[in-house]
């Protein structure tokens, strides 16, 4: 785990951010939860930033997508 975190840190830009979360993936798949909020915050300039996952369900796989939205 520490090695993974160090690798993430090493590729960040100067003001970069890493968000690490633990999710109950089997439950999300079972419940077919398609969209869920991962993180949100307000920037000093007032911009609202939302980060969320969108799951696409297929017969034999699930694709995880990370999306963001900025409102200024």
Foldseek 3Di string as FASTA:
>chain_A
DVVVVVVVVVPADPPGDDQDDDDPVVVCVVVVVAKDWRDWDADPVGKIKTKIWGWDDDPPDIDIDIDMDIDD
